[in-house]
PDB file of N, CA and C in Angstrom:
ATOM      1  N   UNK A   1       0.980  -1.120   0.049  1.00  0.00           N
ATOM      2  CA  UNK A   1      -0.091   0.263   0.077  1.00  0.00           C
ATOM      3  C   UNK A   1       0.960   1.332  -0.002  1.00  0.00           C
ATOM      4  N   UNK A   2       0.549   2.150  -0.607  1.00  0.00           N
ATOM      5  CA  UNK A   2       1.183   3.675  -0.910  1.00  0.00           C
ATOM      6  C   UNK A   2       1.221   4.354   0.433  1.00  0.00           C
ATOM      7  N   UNK A   3       2.181   4.620   1.265  1.00  0.00           N
ATOM      8  CA  UNK A   3       2.027   5.427   2.374  1.00  0.00           C
ATOM      9  C   UNK A   3       1.096   6.584   2.814  1.00  0.00           C
ATOM     10  N   UNK A   4       1.062   7.386   1.567  1.00  0.00           N
ATOM     11  CA  UNK A   4       0.110   8.344   1.465  1.00  0.00           C
ATOM     12  C   UNK A   4      -1.314   8.010   1.581  1.00  0.00           C
ATOM     13  N   UNK A   5      -1.616   6.880   1.087  1.00  0.00           N
ATOM     14  CA  UNK A   5      -3.110   6.301   0.915  1.00  0.00           C
ATOM     15  C   UNK A   5      -3.413   5.535   2.156  1.00  0.00           C
ATOM     16  N   UNK A   6      -2.749   5.330   3.105  1.00  0.00           N
ATOM     17  CA  UNK A   6      -2.896   4.386   4.321  1.00  0.00           C
ATOM     18  C   UNK A   6      -4.245   5.131   5.192  1.00  0.00           C
ATOM     19  N   UNK A   7      -4.888   4.147   5.906  1.00  0.00           N
ATOM     20  CA  UNK A   7      -5.871   4.551   6.721  1.00  0.00           C
ATOM     21  C   UNK A   7      -5.207   5.140   7.650  1.00  0.00           C
ATOM     22  N   UNK A   8      -6.080   6.332   8.224  1.00  0.00           N
ATOM     23  CA  UNK A   8      -5.298   7.141   9.291  1.00  0.00           C
ATOM     24  C   UNK A   8      -5.492   6.287  10.534  1.00  0.00           C
ATOM     25  N   UNK A   9      -6.387   5.449  10.677  1.00  0.00           N
ATOM     26  CA  UNK A   9      -6.761   4.759  12.069  1.00  0.00           C
ATOM     27  C   UNK A   9      -5.468   3.805  12.216  1.00  0.00           C
ATOM     28  N   UNK A  10      -5.158   3.234  11.226  1.00  0.00           N
ATOM     29  CA  UNK A  10      -4.085   2.144  10.908  1.00  0.00           C
ATOM     30  C   UNK A  10      -2.678   2.979  11.433  1.00  0.00           C
ATOM     31  N   UNK A  11      -2.671   3.849  10.687  1.00  0.00           N
ATOM     32  CA  UNK A  11      -1.445   4.672  11.107  1.00  0.00           C
ATOM     33  C   UNK A  11      -1.277   5.181  12.842  1.00  0.00           C
ATOM     34  N   UNK A  12      -2.466   5.678  13.374  1.00  0.00           N
ATOM     35  CA  UNK A  12      -2.427   5.703  14.461  1.00  0.00           C
ATOM     36  C   UNK A  12      -1.931   4.536  15.469  1.00  0.00           C
ATOM     37  N   UNK A  13      -2.430   3.347  15.186  1.00  0.00           N
ATOM     38  CA  UNK A  13      -2.518   2.149  15.689  1.00  0.00           C
ATOM     39  C   UNK A  13      -0.905   1.782  15.587  1.00  0.00           C
ATOM     40  N   UNK A  14      -0.239   2.093  14.442  1.00  0.00           N
ATOM     41  CA  UNK A  14       1.256   1.973  14.493  1.00  0.00           C
ATOM     42  C   UNK A  14       2.078   2.702  15.346  1.00  0.00           C
ATOM     43  N   UNK A  15       1.562   3.728  15.487  1.00  0.00           N
ATOM     44  CA  UNK A  15       2.106   4.751  16.297  1.00  0.00           C
ATOM     45  C   UNK A  15       2.032   4.274  17.835  1.00  0.00           C
ATOM     46  N   UNK A  16       1.123   3.927  18.055  1.00  0.00           N
ATOM     47  CA  UNK A  16       0.665   3.548  19.379  1.00  0.00           C
ATOM     48  C   UNK A  16       1.399   2.253  19.865  1.00  0.00           C
ATOM     49  N   UNK A  17       1.687   1.500  18.798  1.00  0.00           N
ATOM     50  CA  UNK A  17       2.475   0.203  19.075  1.00  0.00           C
ATOM     51  C   UNK A  17       4.019   0.642  19.628  1.00  0.00           C
ATOM     52  N   UNK A  18       4.440   1.663  18.820  1.00  0.00           N
ATOM     53  CA  UNK A  18       5.805   2.012  19.092  1.00  0.00           C
ATOM     54  C   UNK A  18       6.303   3.045  20.114  1.00  0.00           C
ATOM     55  N   UNK A  19       5.032   3.453  21.034  1.00  0.00           N
ATOM     56  CA  UNK A  19       5.183   4.255  21.832  1.00  0.00           C
ATOM     57  C   UNK A  19       6.215   3.979  23.107  1.00  0.00           C
ATOM     58  N   UNK A  20       6.724   4.821  23.828  1.00  0.00           N
ATOM     59  CA  UNK A  20       7.806   4.267  24.917  1.00  0.00           C
ATOM     60  C   UNK A  20       6.969   4.210  26.043  1.00  0.00           C
ATOM     61  N   UNK A  21       7.692   3.738  27.112  1.00  0.00           N
ATOM     62  CA  UNK A  21       6.958   3.375  28.425  1.00  0.00           C
ATOM     63  C   UNK A  21       6.350   4.514  29.092  1.00  0.00           C
ATOM     64  N   UNK A  22       7.163   5.634  28.980  1.00  0.00           N
ATOM     65  CA  UNK A  22       6.717   6.860  29.733  1.00  0.00           C
ATOM     66  C   UNK A  22       5.192   7.573  28.896  1.00  0.00           C
ATOM     67  N   UNK A  23       5.412   7.631  27.630  1.00  0.00           N
ATOM     68  CA  UNK A  23       4.378   7.635  26.892  1.00  0.00           C
ATOM     69  C   UNK A  23       2.958   6.613  27.061  1.00  0.00           C
ATOM     70  N   UNK A  24       3.111   5.626  27.093  1.00  0.00           N
ATOM     71  CA  UNK A  24       2.003   4.693  27.499  1.00  0.00           C
ATOM     72  C   UNK A  24       1.581   5.201  28.674  1.00  0.00           C
ATOM     73  N   UNK A  25       2.428   5.389  29.759  1.00  0.00           N
ATOM     74  CA  UNK A  25       1.946   5.530  31.244  1.00  0.00           C
ATOM     75  C   UNK A  25       1.058   6.680  31.042  1.00  0.00           C
ATOM     76  N   UNK A  26       1.579   7.892  30.413  1.00  0.00           N
ATOM     77  CA  UNK A  26       1.010   9.203  30.583  1.00  0.00           C
ATOM     78  C   UNK A  26      -0.357   9.191  29.692  1.00  0.00           C
ATOM     79  N   UNK A  27      -0.699   8.508  28.589  1.00  0.00           N
ATOM     80  CA  UNK A  27      -1.295   8.355  27.629  1.00  0.00           C
ATOM     81  C   UNK A  27      -2.814   7.535  28.497  1.00  0.00           C
ATOM     82  N   UNK A  28      -2.479   6.515  29.302  1.00  0.00           N
ATOM     83  CA  UNK A  28      -3.359   5.618  30.169  1.00  0.00           C
ATOM     84  C   UNK A  28      -3.923   6.558  31.383  1.00  0.00           C
ATOM     85  N   UNK A  29      -2.857   7.534  32.100  1.00  0.00           N
ATOM     86  CA  UNK A  29      -3.471   8.200  32.999  1.00  0.00           C
ATOM     87  C   UNK A  29      -4.289   9.215  32.681  1.00  0.00           C
ATOM     88  N   UNK A  30      -4.039   9.967  31.437  1.00  0.00           N
ATOM     89  CA  UNK A  30      -5.093  10.753  30.991  1.00  0.00           C
ATOM     90  C   UNK A  30      -6.252  10.321  30.624  1.00  0.00           C
ATOM     91  N   UNK A  31      -6.308   9.135  29.712  1.00  0.00           N
ATOM     92  CA  UNK A  31      -7.038   8.363  29.320  1.00  0.00           C
ATOM     93  C   UNK A  31      -8.452   7.820  30.398  1.00  0.00           C
ATOM     94  N   UNK A  32      -7.552   7.175  31.520  1.00  0.00           N
ATOM     95  CA  UNK A  32      -8.273   6.854  32.730  1.00  0.00           C
ATOM     96  C   UNK A  32      -8.826   7.710  33.557  1.00  0.00           C
ATOM     97  N   UNK A  33      -8.523   9.064  33.426  1.00  0.00           N
ATOM     98  CA  UNK A  33      -9.076  10.058  34.059  1.00  0.00           C
ATOM     99  C   UNK A  33      -8.381  10.204  35.748  1.00  0.00           C
ATOM    100  N   UNK A  34      -6.945   9.519  35.496  1.00  0.00           N
ATOM    101  CA  UNK A  34      -6.090   9.788  36.852  1.00  0.00           C
ATOM    102  C   UNK A  34      -5.580  10.983  37.218  1.00  0.00           C
ATOM    103  N   UNK A  35      -5.406  11.652  35.845  1.00  0.00           N
ATOM    104  CA  UNK A  35      -4.762  12.868  36.408  1.00  0.00           C
ATOM    105  C   UNK A  35      -5.193  14.033  34.884  1.00  0.00           C
ATOM    106  N   UNK A  36      -5.301  15.152  35.299  1.00  0.00           N
ATOM    107  CA  UNK A  36      -5.686  16.199  34.145  1.00  0.00           C
ATOM    108  C   UNK A  36      -4.207  16.025  33.165  1.00  0.00           C
ATOM    109  N   UNK A  37      -4.315  16.436  32.043  1.00  0.00           N
ATOM    110  CA  UNK A  37      -3.314  16.808  31.090  1.00  0.00           C
ATOM    111  C   UNK A  37      -2.271  17.877  31.615  1.00  0.00           C
ATOM    112  N   UNK A  38      -3.158  18.654  32.381  1.00  0.00           N
ATOM    113  CA  UNK A  38      -2.559  20.061  32.556  1.00  0.00           C
ATOM    114  C   UNK A  38      -1.733  20.101  33.592  1.00  0.00           C
ATOM    115  N   UNK A  39      -1.765  19.264  34.476  1.00  0.00           N
ATOM    116  CA  UNK A  39      -0.960  18.958  35.998  1.00  0.00           C
ATOM    117  C   UNK A  39      -0.071  17.854  35.705  1.00  0.00           C
ATOM    118  N   UNK A  40       1.257  18.556  35.456  1.00  0.00           N
ATOM    119  CA  UNK A  40       2.379  17.651  35.265  1.00  0.00           C
ATOM    120  C   UNK A  40       2.693  17.056  36.362  1.00  0.00           C
ATOM    121  N   UNK A  41       2.880  17.602  37.598  1.00  0.00           N
ATOM    122  CA  UNK A  41       3.080  17.146  38.870  1.00  0.00           C
ATOM    123  C   UNK A  41       2.296  15.808  39.077  1.00  0.00           C
ATOM    124  N   UNK A  42       1.084  16.057  38.952  1.00  0.00           N
ATOM    125  CA  UNK A  42       0.066  14.833  39.472  1.00  0.00           C
ATOM    126  C   UNK A  42       0.228  13.567  38.260  1.00  0.00           C
ATOM    127  N   UNK A  43       0.528  13.923  37.132  1.00  0.00           N
ATOM    128  CA  UNK A  43       0.900  13.332  36.239  1.00  0.00           C
ATOM    129  C   UNK A  43       2.154  12.083  36.531  1.00  0.00           C
ATOM    130  N   UNK A  44       3.196  13.235  36.849  1.00  0.00           N
ATOM    131  CA  UNK A  44       4.502  12.596  37.245  1.00  0.00           C
ATOM    132  C   UNK A  44       4.102  11.482  38.665  1.00  0.00           C
ATOM    133  N   UNK A  45       3.155  12.008  39.575  1.00  0.00           N
ATOM    134  CA  UNK A  45       3.326  10.945  40.440  1.00  0.00           C
ATOM    135  C   UNK A  45       2.457   9.875  40.224  1.00  0.00           C
ATOM    136  N   UNK A  46       1.243  10.022  39.627  1.00  0.00           N
ATOM    137  CA  UNK A  46       0.397   8.805  38.834  1.00  0.00           C
ATOM    138  C   UNK A  46       1.275   7.830  38.010  1.00  0.00           C
ATOM    139  N   UNK A  47       2.127   8.369  37.416  1.00  0.00           N
ATOM    140  CA  UNK A  47       2.757   7.611  36.428  1.00  0.00           C
ATOM    141  C   UNK A  47       4.297   6.917  36.961  1.00  0.00           C
ATOM    142  N   UNK A  48       4.691   7.574  38.274  1.00  0.00           N
ATOM    143  CA  UNK A  48       5.997   7.280  38.599  1.00  0.00           C
ATOM    144  C   UNK A  48       7.267   7.562  37.682  1.00  0.00           C
ATOM    145  N   UNK A  49       6.879   8.911  37.238  1.00  0.00           N
ATOM    146  CA  UNK A  49       8.150   9.255  36.250  1.00  0.00           C
ATOM    147  C   UNK A  49       8.431  11.037  37.059  1.00  0.00           C
ATOM    148  N   UNK A  50       9.259  11.522  36.455  1.00  0.00           N
ATOM    149  CA  UNK A  50      10.011  12.987  36.577  1.00  0.00           C
ATOM    150  C   UNK A  50       8.744  13.873  35.811  1.00  0.00           C
ATOM    151  N   UNK A  51       9.121  15.007  36.339  1.00  0.00           N
ATOM    152  CA  UNK A  51       8.175  15.991  35.554  1.00  0.00           C
ATOM    153  C   UNK A  51       8.810  16.132  34.080  1.00  0.00           C
ATOM    154  N   UNK A  52       9.857  16.149  33.910  1.00  0.00           N
ATOM    155  CA  UNK A  52      10.670  16.177  32.615  1.00  0.00           C
ATOM    156  C   UNK A  52      10.255  15.013  31.503  1.00  0.00           C
ATOM    157  N   UNK A  53      10.210  13.800  32.218  1.00  0.00           N
ATOM    158  CA  UNK A  53       9.671  12.657  31.418  1.00  0.00           C
ATOM    159  C   UNK A  53       8.205  13.002  31.084  1.00  0.00           C
ATOM    160  N   UNK A  54       7.351  13.459  31.972  1.00  0.00           N
ATOM    161  CA  UNK A  54       5.973  13.630  31.583  1.00  0.00           C
ATOM    162  C   UNK A  54       6.089  14.730  30.320  1.00  0.00           C
ATOM    163  N   UNK A  55       6.614  15.730  30.673  1.00  0.00           N
ATOM    164  CA  UNK A  55       6.371  16.836  29.565  1.00  0.00           C
ATOM    165  C   UNK A  55       6.936  16.364  28.404  1.00  0.00           C
ATOM    166  N   UNK A  56       8.082  15.654  28.221  1.00  0.00           N
ATOM    167  CA  UNK A  56       8.500  15.222  26.826  1.00  0.00           C
ATOM    168  C   UNK A  56       7.430  13.888  26.313  1.00  0.00           C
ATOM    169  N   UNK A  57       6.948  13.182  27.179  1.00  0.00           N
ATOM    170  CA  UNK A  57       5.633  12.149  26.821  1.00  0.00           C
ATOM    171  C   UNK A  57       4.719  12.924  26.270  1.00  0.00           C
ATOM    172  N   UNK A  58       4.325  14.102  26.542  1.00  0.00           N
ATOM    173  CA  UNK A  58       3.022  14.869  26.461  1.00  0.00           C
ATOM    174  C   UNK A  58       3.539  15.572  24.973  1.00  0.00           C
ATOM    175  N   UNK A  59       4.671  15.930  24.892  1.00  0.00           N
ATOM    176  CA  UNK A  59       4.935  16.826  23.480  1.00  0.00           C
ATOM    177  C   UNK A  59       4.723  15.662  22.479  1.00  0.00           C
ATOM    178  N   UNK A  60       5.289  14.367  22.585  1.00  0.00           N
ATOM    179  CA  UNK A  60       5.753  13.447  21.768  1.00  0.00           C
ATOM    180  C   UNK A  60       4.021  12.868  21.293  1.00  0.00           C
ATOM    181  N   UNK A  61       3.296  12.826  22.360  1.00  0.00           N
ATOM    182  CA  UNK A  61       1.662  12.510  22.264  1.00  0.00           C
ATOM    183  C   UNK A  61       1.013  13.514  21.172  1.00  0.00           C
ATOM    184  N   UNK A  62       1.516  14.816  21.810  1.00  0.00           N
ATOM    185  CA  UNK A  62       0.885  15.530  20.799  1.00  0.00           C
ATOM    186  C   UNK A  62       1.118  15.553  19.471  1.00  0.00           C
ATOM    187  N   UNK A  63       2.440  15.467  19.420  1.00  0.00           N
ATOM    188  CA  UNK A  63       3.128  15.688  17.980  1.00  0.00           C
ATOM    189  C   UNK A  63       2.490  14.294  17.122  1.00  0.00           C
ATOM    190  N   UNK A  64       2.358  13.231  18.015  1.00  0.00           N
ATOM    191  CA  UNK A  64       1.783  11.918  17.060  1.00  0.00           C
ATOM    192  C   UNK A  64       0.207  12.076  16.978  1.00  0.00           C
ATOM    193  N   UNK A  65      -0.153  12.933  17.588  1.00  0.00           N
ATOM    194  CA  UNK A  65      -1.816  13.174  17.418  1.00  0.00           C
ATOM    195  C   UNK A  65      -2.448  11.951  18.095  1.00  0.00           C
ATOM    196  N   UNK A  66      -2.135  11.433  19.495  1.00  0.00           N
ATOM    197  CA  UNK A  66      -2.666  10.493  20.127  1.00  0.00           C
ATOM    198  C   UNK A  66      -3.222  10.844  21.507  1.00  0.00           C
ATOM    199  N   UNK A  67      -3.108  12.156  21.816  1.00  0.00           N
ATOM    200  CA  UNK A  67      -4.022  12.537  22.986  1.00  0.00           C
ATOM    201  C   UNK A  67      -5.255  12.046  23.058  1.00  0.00           C
ATOM    202  N   UNK A  68      -5.700  11.548  24.195  1.00  0.00           N
ATOM    203  CA  UNK A  68      -7.341  11.460  23.883  1.00  0.00           C
ATOM    204  C   UNK A  68      -7.943  12.853  24.146  1.00  0.00           C
ATOM    205  N   UNK A  69      -9.358  12.614  23.648  1.00  0.00           N
ATOM    206  CA  UNK A  69     -10.239  13.664  23.698  1.00  0.00           C
ATOM    207  C   UNK A  69     -10.337  14.487  24.846  1.00  0.00           C
ATOM    208  N   UNK A  70     -10.094  13.801  26.160  1.00  0.00           N
ATOM    209  CA  UNK A  70     -10.241  14.996  27.445  1.00  0.00           C
ATOM    210  C   UNK A  70      -8.868  15.713  27.236  1.00  0.00           C
ATOM    211  N   UNK A  71      -8.158  15.350  26.628  1.00  0.00           N
ATOM    212  CA  UNK A  71      -7.016  16.502  26.827  1.00  0.00           C
ATOM    213  C   UNK A  71      -7.623  17.913  26.235  1.00  0.00           C
ATOM    214  N   UNK A  72      -8.628  17.924  25.481  1.00  0.00           N
ATOM    215  CA  UNK A  72      -8.921  19.312  25.117  1.00  0.00           C
ATOM    216  C   UNK A  72     -10.100  19.880  25.865  1.00  0.00           C
ATOM    217  N   UNK A  73     -10.657  19.165  26.717  1.00  0.00           N
ATOM    218  CA  UNK A  73     -11.532  19.581  27.578  1.00  0.00           C
ATOM    219  C   UNK A  73     -11.256  20.480  28.831  1.00  0.00           C
TER     220      UNK A  73
END
């Protein structure tokens, strides 16, 4: 299949499979409602990560367009 004609959902699934552990933890915490995406400190505590790791994970998730819809609320 030509890359430009791939299904967007399949592309997102491929990105999700390649996430780092930090990205997966942050994604799950936001999706489950454990912490709001704007509260980096709480996300860090919930995910057992540093603030820097959470910030980088949020940037990468934003770049990959994988943040849950709750992120925009």
